[in-house]
Structures are given as C-alpha cells and as structure tokens.
C-alpha cells in the first residue's frame, strides 16, 4: 500500500493500476507469479528488474494486449476485463521501445489515433512533445529516431489518455535524444499525466522516477520511492546485487554501441 507522511493512505480505487494475484506464462514459461503491486496515480512510476522479470508483460497486461492466466488487473479499481479494449487503450496510451510509425506523414500518423484532429489540435500536440509544427507534413520515415519517438508520444497523447505506459521508450536513442524524452516525460508528469516507465537503466530510473516497482522472479520484490529502493538494498542481498550488477560506465558503453 502506498503512503507518504502527511498524505492519506491510498485505496485500490485511488491507484492508477493494481495487480492482484496475477499470474502469466508464455507457453510453459512462467513470467509473473502471484504478482501483487499497486501503481500510484501520480508522477512517474519506473518498473525495473532483471531481463525476463516481466516488466514489459506488466504493461501489456495493464491495457489488455495480454490477458492474465489468473488474478485480476484493475484500472482505478475496475477490473480491466470489464472495460472494452478500445476504451481502456484510450485511457492508457502506450509507447513502445522502438518507434512504430505508420506509412505517410506525421499528420497522417496523428490522424490514425484521432481521425477528427484539427490543424490547431495537431500543432498543439506537436508543441507539447517539442516538435516543430512544420514537421506535420513531412514523411514520418524521414524523421530522426528522437523525432520519431516524440511523434509516437504525440500520437498516444492525441486520444487524450489519462496516463501513458512507456516500454523502454528511449533505449534505441542516442544520449541527447534519450535525455530529451526524459525531460518530456517529466514535463508531462508535472502537468498531471501519470506515466509508467519500464527501464533497464538504473541511472535513468534515478533521474526520472517518483515511484519504483522492482520485479524479480515474477513478483514485486519492492515498491516505493527511490529512497525506499536504496533502503531495501541495505537489507535485501538480491536487491543489492541487482543494483550493483552493471556499473554506470558499462551501461553508457553499451548504449553507445
């Protein structure tokens, strides 16, 4: 249960997303096992964990791209199984690791999400994600990687979602574009759009996260603030080992490659 000094204790209905006894397997390979965790409805929640711990699966379960084998996933206290997928996905916009443009111009891509989008609305969306309005009529395939990912964010925002689910949205970008996406995410969160951000980069987690969910062996090993994560590492050898396993300089070298 999430709580802060001087703040009311949150109920399930206050949570953005909650997972209650959720299990999921790809064929015979279990990924999540009796997952119980609650995602607050404010700021940026970073989801971290070793490879294969179920980070991306968690996002896909949240907006019904996948269905749990058991347990319940809730959005604002409502079982997502009772929410029509198009409705749920308008509320929980999703951006994937690699930009996924549709054929056509940037304007065409925005229109996929919002067919009735006016020119003024399109320009405001572009400004919101830090893109120049004169890119609207450029072919999406001609954009840089950073511009493409911003366009995908604009496309997700075109449906006026309640929140965004980001699946390692900056992994494929160069350092400058990566930091640009981080700054954009912070500005969205500060303007009232909660984000759930899957990341493998612990330095990035420390830069962007208000809340942390750490997955290990199909379960939430801890959830809380970044300070809570550091405190947990002092008493939990597995968390300490995870935080120490990749030095920052090694991560930077890997990103350069």
C-alpha atoms as a PDB file:
ATOM      1  CA  UNK A   1       0.000   0.000   0.000  1.00  0.00           C
ATOM      2  CA  UNK A   2       1.371   3.423  -0.965  1.00  0.00           C
ATOM      3  CA  UNK A   3       1.508   6.114   1.657  1.00  0.00           C
ATOM      4  CA  UNK A   4       3.537   9.224   2.401  1.00  0.00           C
ATOM      5  CA  UNK A   5       3.813  11.248   5.610  1.00  0.00           C
ATOM      6  CA  UNK A   6       1.022  13.790   5.717  1.00  0.00           C
ATOM      7  CA  UNK A   7      -0.837  12.108   2.888  1.00  0.00           C
ATOM      8  CA  UNK A   8      -3.921   9.944   3.075  1.00  0.00           C
ATOM      9  CA  UNK A   9      -3.470   6.205   2.631  1.00  0.00           C
ATOM     10  CA  UNK A  10      -4.442   5.181  -0.902  1.00  0.00           C
ATOM     11  CA  UNK A  11      -7.221   2.719  -1.567  1.00  0.00           C
ATOM     12  CA  UNK A  12      -7.402   0.422  -4.593  1.00  0.00           C
ATOM     13  CA  UNK A  13      -9.792   2.858  -6.292  1.00  0.00           C
ATOM     14  CA  UNK A  14      -7.151   5.603  -5.935  1.00  0.00           C
ATOM     15  CA  UNK A  15      -4.496   3.534  -7.723  1.00  0.00           C
ATOM     16  CA  UNK A  16      -3.825   4.027 -11.399  1.00  0.00           C
ATOM     17  CA  UNK A  17      -3.303   0.285 -11.893  1.00  0.00           C
ATOM     18  CA  UNK A  18      -3.325  -2.604  -9.435  1.00  0.00           C
ATOM     19  CA  UNK A  19      -2.316  -6.230  -9.900  1.00  0.00           C
ATOM     20  CA  UNK A  20      -3.910  -8.739  -7.538  1.00  0.00           C
ATOM     21  CA  UNK A  21      -2.503 -12.263  -7.504  1.00  0.00           C
ATOM     22  CA  UNK A  22      -1.668 -12.002 -11.203  1.00  0.00           C
ATOM     23  CA  UNK A  23      -0.001 -14.910 -12.948  1.00  0.00           C
ATOM     24  CA  UNK A  24       1.086 -15.095 -16.576  1.00  0.00           C
ATOM     25  CA  UNK A  25       3.137 -17.546 -18.633  1.00  0.00           C
ATOM     26  CA  UNK A  26       4.329 -17.648 -22.229  1.00  0.00           C
ATOM     27  CA  UNK A  27       3.523 -21.255 -23.001  1.00  0.00           C
ATOM     28  CA  UNK A  28       5.242 -23.356 -20.349  1.00  0.00           C
ATOM     29  CA  UNK A  29       7.461 -20.471 -19.200  1.00  0.00           C
ATOM     30  CA  UNK A  30       6.054 -18.576 -16.201  1.00  0.00           C
ATOM     31  CA  UNK A  31       6.814 -14.858 -16.212  1.00  0.00           C
ATOM     32  CA  UNK A  32       4.642 -13.431 -13.433  1.00  0.00           C
ATOM     33  CA  UNK A  33       3.688 -15.464 -10.367  1.00  0.00           C
ATOM     34  CA  UNK A  34       1.114 -14.169  -7.886  1.00  0.00           C
ATOM     35  CA  UNK A  35       2.041 -10.562  -8.614  1.00  0.00           C
ATOM     36  CA  UNK A  36       0.593  -8.127  -6.103  1.00  0.00           C
ATOM     37  CA  UNK A  37       1.504  -4.496  -6.691  1.00  0.00           C
ATOM     38  CA  UNK A  38      -0.198  -1.126  -6.926  1.00  0.00           C
ATOM     39  CA  UNK A  39       0.844   1.741  -9.190  1.00  0.00           C
ATOM     40  CA  UNK A  40       0.111   5.240  -7.852  1.00  0.00           C
ATOM     41  CA  UNK A  41      -1.897   7.679  -9.956  1.00  0.00           C
ATOM     42  CA  UNK A  42       0.686  10.453  -9.937  1.00  0.00           C
ATOM     43  CA  UNK A  43       4.181  11.168 -11.210  1.00  0.00           C
ATOM     44  CA  UNK A  44       6.401   8.626 -12.950  1.00  0.00           C
ATOM     45  CA  UNK A  45       6.473   5.020 -11.769  1.00  0.00           C
ATOM     46  CA  UNK A  46       9.584   3.228 -13.035  1.00  0.00           C
ATOM     47  CA  UNK A  47       9.340  -0.544 -13.451  1.00  0.00           C
ATOM     48  CA  UNK A  48      12.741  -2.220 -13.217  1.00  0.00           C
ATOM     49  CA  UNK A  49      14.129  -5.707 -12.827  1.00  0.00           C
ATOM     50  CA  UNK A  50      16.406  -8.286 -14.441  1.00  0.00           C
ATOM     51  CA  UNK A  51      15.818  -9.402 -18.018  1.00  0.00           C
ATOM     52  CA  UNK A  52      12.825 -11.717 -18.200  1.00  0.00           C
ATOM     53  CA  UNK A  53      11.322 -10.493 -14.929  1.00  0.00           C
ATOM     54  CA  UNK A  54       8.053  -9.460 -16.588  1.00  0.00           C
ATOM     55  CA  UNK A  55       8.448  -5.690 -16.951  1.00  0.00           C
ATOM     56  CA  UNK A  56       7.012  -5.398 -20.459  1.00  0.00           C
ATOM     57  CA  UNK A  57       4.458  -8.101 -19.713  1.00  0.00           C
ATOM     58  CA  UNK A  58       3.156  -5.984 -16.833  1.00  0.00           C
ATOM     59  CA  UNK A  59       2.419  -3.096 -19.212  1.00  0.00           C
ATOM     60  CA  UNK A  60       0.737  -5.354 -21.755  1.00  0.00           C
ATOM     61  CA  UNK A  61      -1.483  -6.813 -19.067  1.00  0.00           C
ATOM     62  CA  UNK A  62      -2.412  -3.311 -17.946  1.00  0.00           C
ATOM     63  CA  UNK A  63      -4.021  -2.398 -21.268  1.00  0.00           C
ATOM     64  CA  UNK A  64      -5.183  -5.879 -22.302  1.00  0.00           C
ATOM     65  CA  UNK A  65      -2.656  -6.580 -25.019  1.00  0.00           C
ATOM     66  CA  UNK A  66      -2.260  -9.723 -22.897  1.00  0.00           C
ATOM     67  CA  UNK A  67      -4.722 -11.436 -20.562  1.00  0.00           C
ATOM     68  CA  UNK A  68      -3.627 -12.857 -17.192  1.00  0.00           C
ATOM     69  CA  UNK A  69      -3.764 -16.604 -16.629  1.00  0.00           C
ATOM     70  CA  UNK A  70      -5.049 -15.875 -13.136  1.00  0.00           C
ATOM     71  CA  UNK A  71      -5.641 -12.947 -10.837  1.00  0.00           C
ATOM     72  CA  UNK A  72      -7.090  -9.515 -11.524  1.00  0.00           C
ATOM     73  CA  UNK A  73      -5.726  -6.346 -13.109  1.00  0.00           C
ATOM     74  CA  UNK A  74      -7.598  -3.169 -12.169  1.00  0.00           C
ATOM     75  CA  UNK A  75      -7.602   0.358 -13.537  1.00  0.00           C
ATOM     76  CA  UNK A  76      -8.918   2.855 -10.987  1.00  0.00           C
ATOM     77  CA  UNK A  77     -10.359  -0.058  -9.044  1.00  0.00           C
ATOM     78  CA  UNK A  78     -12.238  -1.507 -12.035  1.00  0.00           C
ATOM     79  CA  UNK A  79     -11.346  -4.954 -13.398  1.00  0.00           C
ATOM     80  CA  UNK A  80      -9.851  -4.257 -16.841  1.00  0.00           C
ATOM     81  CA  UNK A  81     -11.551  -7.426 -18.118  1.00  0.00           C
ATOM     82  CA  UNK A  82     -14.831  -5.475 -17.884  1.00  0.00           C
ATOM     83  CA  UNK A  83     -13.519  -2.463 -19.845  1.00  0.00           C
ATOM     84  CA  UNK A  84     -13.707  -2.698 -23.667  1.00  0.00           C
ATOM     85  CA  UNK A  85     -10.119  -2.750 -25.020  1.00  0.00           C
ATOM     86  CA  UNK A  86     -10.543   0.381 -27.213  1.00  0.00           C
ATOM     87  CA  UNK A  87     -11.851   2.322 -24.207  1.00  0.00           C
ATOM     88  CA  UNK A  88      -9.068   1.069 -21.948  1.00  0.00           C
ATOM     89  CA  UNK A  89      -6.366   1.865 -24.509  1.00  0.00           C
ATOM     90  CA  UNK A  90      -7.657   5.397 -24.936  1.00  0.00           C
ATOM     91  CA  UNK A  91      -7.273   5.821 -21.180  1.00  0.00           C
ATOM     92  CA  UNK A  92      -3.863   4.129 -21.003  1.00  0.00           C
ATOM     93  CA  UNK A  93      -1.842   5.244 -24.021  1.00  0.00           C
ATOM     94  CA  UNK A  94       1.176   3.096 -24.845  1.00  0.00           C
ATOM     95  CA  UNK A  95       4.547   3.857 -26.441  1.00  0.00           C
ATOM     96  CA  UNK A  96       6.897   1.028 -27.330  1.00  0.00           C
ATOM     97  CA  UNK A  97      10.665   0.626 -27.204  1.00  0.00           C
ATOM     98  CA  UNK A  98      11.191   1.225 -30.910  1.00  0.00           C
ATOM     99  CA  UNK A  99       9.252   3.939 -32.740  1.00  0.00           C
ATOM    100  CA  UNK A 100       6.405   2.449 -34.743  1.00  0.00           C
ATOM    101  CA  UNK A 101       5.394   4.928 -37.458  1.00  0.00           C
ATOM    102  CA  UNK A 102       2.611   4.206 -39.905  1.00  0.00           C
ATOM    103  CA  UNK A 103       3.128   4.984 -43.617  1.00  0.00           C
ATOM    104  CA  UNK A 104       2.520   8.604 -44.546  1.00  0.00           C
ATOM    105  CA  UNK A 105       3.187  11.971 -42.989  1.00  0.00           C
ATOM    106  CA  UNK A 106       3.411  12.933 -39.342  1.00  0.00           C
ATOM    107  CA  UNK A 107      -0.084  14.399 -39.685  1.00  0.00           C
ATOM    108  CA  UNK A 108      -1.315  11.068 -41.083  1.00  0.00           C
ATOM    109  CA  UNK A 109       0.163   9.283 -38.068  1.00  0.00           C
ATOM    110  CA  UNK A 110      -1.633  11.569 -35.631  1.00  0.00           C
ATOM    111  CA  UNK A 111      -4.864  11.058 -37.565  1.00  0.00           C
ATOM    112  CA  UNK A 112      -4.612   7.298 -37.037  1.00  0.00           C
ATOM    113  CA  UNK A 113      -5.196   7.937 -33.326  1.00  0.00           C
ATOM    114  CA  UNK A 114      -7.590  10.875 -33.738  1.00  0.00           C
ATOM    115  CA  UNK A 115      -9.249  10.983 -37.192  1.00  0.00           C
ATOM    116  CA  UNK A 116     -11.082  14.251 -36.411  1.00  0.00           C
ATOM    117  CA  UNK A 117      -7.933  16.061 -35.241  1.00  0.00           C
ATOM    118  CA  UNK A 118      -7.958  19.700 -36.392  1.00  0.00           C
ATOM    119  CA  UNK A 119      -4.877  21.515 -37.640  1.00  0.00           C
ATOM    120  CA  UNK A 120      -4.801  23.611 -34.471  1.00  0.00           C
ATOM    121  CA  UNK A 121      -5.006  20.495 -32.289  1.00  0.00           C
ATOM    122  CA  UNK A 122      -2.226  18.843 -34.299  1.00  0.00           C
ATOM    123  CA  UNK A 123       0.002  21.896 -33.857  1.00  0.00           C
ATOM    124  CA  UNK A 124      -0.642  21.961 -30.120  1.00  0.00           C
ATOM    125  CA  UNK A 125       0.228  18.273 -29.871  1.00  0.00           C
ATOM    126  CA  UNK A 126       3.484  18.889 -31.714  1.00  0.00           C
ATOM    127  CA  UNK A 127       4.336  21.749 -29.375  1.00  0.00           C
ATOM    128  CA  UNK A 128       3.506  19.588 -26.375  1.00  0.00           C
ATOM    129  CA  UNK A 129       6.124  16.990 -27.361  1.00  0.00           C
ATOM    130  CA  UNK A 130       8.709  19.531 -28.502  1.00  0.00           C
ATOM    131  CA  UNK A 131       8.354  19.103 -32.274  1.00  0.00           C
ATOM    132  CA  UNK A 132       8.093  21.946 -34.786  1.00  0.00           C
ATOM    133  CA  UNK A 133       4.711  22.288 -36.482  1.00  0.00           C
ATOM    134  CA  UNK A 134       6.389  22.392 -39.907  1.00  0.00           C
ATOM    135  CA  UNK A 135       7.171  18.694 -39.473  1.00  0.00           C
ATOM    136  CA  UNK A 136       3.473  17.819 -39.681  1.00  0.00           C
ATOM    137  CA  UNK A 137       3.581  17.300 -43.436  1.00  0.00           C
ATOM    138  CA  UNK A 138       6.947  15.549 -43.505  1.00  0.00           C
ATOM    139  CA  UNK A 139       7.059  11.821 -44.144  1.00  0.00           C
ATOM    140  CA  UNK A 140       7.345  10.062 -40.800  1.00  0.00           C
ATOM    141  CA  UNK A 141      10.044   7.809 -42.254  1.00  0.00           C
ATOM    142  CA  UNK A 142      12.265  10.888 -42.764  1.00  0.00           C
ATOM    143  CA  UNK A 143      12.374  11.796 -39.060  1.00  0.00           C
ATOM    144  CA  UNK A 144      15.307  11.074 -36.772  1.00  0.00           C
ATOM    145  CA  UNK A 145      14.971   8.423 -34.069  1.00  0.00           C
ATOM    146  CA  UNK A 146      14.342  11.012 -31.378  1.00  0.00           C
ATOM    147  CA  UNK A 147      11.786  12.837 -33.516  1.00  0.00           C
ATOM    148  CA  UNK A 148      10.021   9.564 -34.314  1.00  0.00           C
ATOM    149  CA  UNK A 149       9.679   8.671 -30.648  1.00  0.00           C
ATOM    150  CA  UNK A 150       8.312  12.143 -29.888  1.00  0.00           C
ATOM    151  CA  UNK A 151       5.842  11.692 -32.739  1.00  0.00           C
ATOM    152  CA  UNK A 152       4.760   8.369 -31.219  1.00  0.00           C
ATOM    153  CA  UNK A 153       4.235  10.158 -27.905  1.00  0.00           C
ATOM    154  CA  UNK A 154       2.168  12.814 -29.684  1.00  0.00           C
ATOM    155  CA  UNK A 155       0.132  10.077 -31.367  1.00  0.00           C
ATOM    156  CA  UNK A 156      -0.507   8.444 -27.988  1.00  0.00           C
ATOM    157  CA  UNK A 157      -1.494  11.813 -26.498  1.00  0.00           C
ATOM    158  CA  UNK A 158      -3.891  12.517 -29.388  1.00  0.00           C
ATOM    159  CA  UNK A 159      -6.516  10.303 -27.736  1.00  0.00           C
ATOM    160  CA  UNK A 160      -6.245  12.416 -24.550  1.00  0.00           C
ATOM    161  CA  UNK A 161      -5.262   9.448 -22.373  1.00  0.00           C
ATOM    162  CA  UNK A 162      -5.447   9.533 -18.615  1.00  0.00           C
ATOM    163  CA  UNK A 163      -1.911   8.160 -18.433  1.00  0.00           C
ATOM    164  CA  UNK A 164       0.908   6.745 -20.554  1.00  0.00           C
ATOM    165  CA  UNK A 165       2.597   3.345 -20.461  1.00  0.00           C
ATOM    166  CA  UNK A 166       6.167   3.608 -21.779  1.00  0.00           C
ATOM    167  CA  UNK A 167       8.054   0.417 -22.629  1.00  0.00           C
ATOM    168  CA  UNK A 168      11.750   1.407 -22.600  1.00  0.00           C
ATOM    169  CA  UNK A 169      10.937   4.369 -24.885  1.00  0.00           C
ATOM    170  CA  UNK A 170      14.492   5.735 -25.024  1.00  0.00           C
ATOM    171  CA  UNK A 171      16.565   2.544 -25.289  1.00  0.00           C
ATOM    172  CA  UNK A 172      17.120   2.797 -29.057  1.00  0.00           C
ATOM    173  CA  UNK A 173      18.012   6.518 -28.949  1.00  0.00           C
ATOM    174  CA  UNK A 174      21.314   8.365 -28.698  1.00  0.00           C
ATOM    175  CA  UNK A 175      22.124  10.051 -25.352  1.00  0.00           C
ATOM    176  CA  UNK A 176      20.863  13.508 -26.402  1.00  0.00           C
ATOM    177  CA  UNK A 177      17.542  12.152 -27.678  1.00  0.00           C
ATOM    178  CA  UNK A 178      17.244   9.917 -24.616  1.00  0.00           C
ATOM    179  CA  UNK A 179      17.577  12.861 -22.245  1.00  0.00           C
ATOM    180  CA  UNK A 180      15.080  14.803 -24.357  1.00  0.00           C
ATOM    181  CA  UNK A 181      12.499  12.040 -23.890  1.00  0.00           C
ATOM    182  CA  UNK A 182      13.205  12.023 -20.142  1.00  0.00           C
ATOM    183  CA  UNK A 183      12.629  15.783 -19.924  1.00  0.00           C
ATOM    184  CA  UNK A 184       9.416  15.449 -21.913  1.00  0.00           C
ATOM    185  CA  UNK A 185       8.201  12.677 -19.609  1.00  0.00           C
ATOM    186  CA  UNK A 186       8.915  14.810 -16.553  1.00  0.00           C
ATOM    187  CA  UNK A 187       7.011  17.748 -18.030  1.00  0.00           C
ATOM    188  CA  UNK A 188       4.013  15.517 -18.795  1.00  0.00           C
ATOM    189  CA  UNK A 189       4.040  14.091 -15.268  1.00  0.00           C
ATOM    190  CA  UNK A 190       4.325  17.535 -13.706  1.00  0.00           C
ATOM    191  CA  UNK A 191       1.372  18.687 -15.835  1.00  0.00           C
ATOM    192  CA  UNK A 192      -0.768  15.892 -14.379  1.00  0.00           C
ATOM    193  CA  UNK A 193      -0.330  12.903 -16.705  1.00  0.00           C
ATOM    194  CA  UNK A 194       0.927   9.892 -14.703  1.00  0.00           C
ATOM    195  CA  UNK A 195       3.398   7.644 -16.513  1.00  0.00           C
ATOM    196  CA  UNK A 196       4.501   4.048 -16.026  1.00  0.00           C
ATOM    197  CA  UNK A 197       8.009   3.693 -17.469  1.00  0.00           C
ATOM    198  CA  UNK A 198       9.743   0.349 -17.963  1.00  0.00           C
ATOM    199  CA  UNK A 199      13.513   0.816 -17.869  1.00  0.00           C
ATOM    200  CA  UNK A 200      16.627  -1.349 -17.654  1.00  0.00           C
ATOM    201  CA  UNK A 201      18.785   1.723 -16.928  1.00  0.00           C
ATOM    202  CA  UNK A 202      19.203   2.343 -13.211  1.00  0.00           C
ATOM    203  CA  UNK A 203      20.748   5.770 -13.730  1.00  0.00           C
ATOM    204  CA  UNK A 204      17.723   6.736 -15.799  1.00  0.00           C
ATOM    205  CA  UNK A 205      15.452   5.390 -13.065  1.00  0.00           C
ATOM    206  CA  UNK A 206      17.117   7.722 -10.583  1.00  0.00           C
ATOM    207  CA  UNK A 207      16.702  10.675 -12.941  1.00  0.00           C
ATOM    208  CA  UNK A 208      13.020  10.245 -13.738  1.00  0.00           C
ATOM    209  CA  UNK A 209      11.234   8.126 -11.129  1.00  0.00           C
ATOM    210  CA  UNK A 210       8.922   9.314  -8.380  1.00  0.00           C
ATOM    211  CA  UNK A 211       7.973   5.710  -7.567  1.00  0.00           C
ATOM    212  CA  UNK A 212       9.651   2.365  -8.252  1.00  0.00           C
ATOM    213  CA  UNK A 213       8.392  -1.181  -8.764  1.00  0.00           C
ATOM    214  CA  UNK A 214      11.188  -3.762  -8.770  1.00  0.00           C
ATOM    215  CA  UNK A 215      10.266  -7.134 -10.272  1.00  0.00           C
ATOM    216  CA  UNK A 216      12.196 -10.313  -9.514  1.00  0.00           C
ATOM    217  CA  UNK A 217      11.225 -13.918 -10.132  1.00  0.00           C
ATOM    218  CA  UNK A 218       7.734 -12.968 -11.253  1.00  0.00           C
ATOM    219  CA  UNK A 219       6.892 -10.938  -8.150  1.00  0.00           C
ATOM    220  CA  UNK A 220       7.290  -7.399  -6.870  1.00  0.00           C
ATOM    221  CA  UNK A 221      10.437  -7.500  -4.745  1.00  0.00           C
ATOM    222  CA  UNK A 222       9.790  -3.948  -3.562  1.00  0.00           C
ATOM    223  CA  UNK A 223       7.658  -0.926  -4.369  1.00  0.00           C
ATOM    224  CA  UNK A 224       8.046   2.591  -3.088  1.00  0.00           C
ATOM    225  CA  UNK A 225      10.262   5.605  -3.667  1.00  0.00           C
ATOM    226  CA  UNK A 226      13.846   5.652  -4.948  1.00  0.00           C
ATOM    227  CA  UNK A 227      14.911   6.183  -1.331  1.00  0.00           C
ATOM    228  CA  UNK A 228      12.904   3.075  -0.387  1.00  0.00           C
ATOM    229  CA  UNK A 229      14.767   1.138  -3.096  1.00  0.00           C
ATOM    230  CA  UNK A 230      18.123   2.149  -1.642  1.00  0.00           C
ATOM    231  CA  UNK A 231      16.946   1.309   1.870  1.00  0.00           C
ATOM    232  CA  UNK A 232      15.735  -2.110   0.702  1.00  0.00           C
ATOM    233  CA  UNK A 233      19.136  -2.804  -0.836  1.00  0.00           C
ATOM    234  CA  UNK A 234      20.747  -2.436   2.584  1.00  0.00           C
ATOM    235  CA  UNK A 235      18.698  -5.326   3.975  1.00  0.00           C
ATOM    236  CA  UNK A 236      17.992  -7.429   0.870  1.00  0.00           C
ATOM    237  CA  UNK A 237      21.075  -9.009  -0.757  1.00  0.00           C
ATOM    238  CA  UNK A 238      19.214  -9.751  -4.005  1.00  0.00           C
ATOM    239  CA  UNK A 239      18.212  -6.129  -4.452  1.00  0.00           C
ATOM    240  CA  UNK A 240      21.737  -5.016  -3.576  1.00  0.00           C
ATOM    241  CA  UNK A 241      23.173  -7.409  -6.161  1.00  0.00           C
ATOM    242  CA  UNK A 242      20.768  -6.165  -8.831  1.00  0.00           C
ATOM    243  CA  UNK A 243      21.655  -2.525  -8.196  1.00  0.00           C
ATOM    244  CA  UNK A 244      25.374  -3.317  -8.286  1.00  0.00           C
ATOM    245  CA  UNK A 245      25.467  -5.687 -11.236  1.00  0.00           C
ATOM    246  CA  UNK A 246      26.061  -3.126 -14.025  1.00  0.00           C
ATOM    247  CA  UNK A 247      28.389  -0.175 -13.406  1.00  0.00           C
ATOM    248  CA  UNK A 248      27.155   3.131 -14.899  1.00  0.00           C
ATOM    249  CA  UNK A 249      30.102   3.356 -17.292  1.00  0.00           C
ATOM    250  CA  UNK A 250      29.341  -0.119 -18.652  1.00  0.00           C
ATOM    251  CA  UNK A 251      25.747   0.894 -19.287  1.00  0.00           C
ATOM    252  CA  UNK A 252      26.926   4.032 -21.111  1.00  0.00           C
ATOM    253  CA  UNK A 253      29.308   1.977 -23.260  1.00  0.00           C
ATOM    254  CA  UNK A 254      26.507  -0.441 -24.088  1.00  0.00           C
ATOM    255  CA  UNK A 255      24.258   2.468 -25.025  1.00  0.00           C
ATOM    256  CA  UNK A 256      26.937   3.851 -27.344  1.00  0.00           C
ATOM    257  CA  UNK A 257      27.032   0.508 -29.168  1.00  0.00           C
END
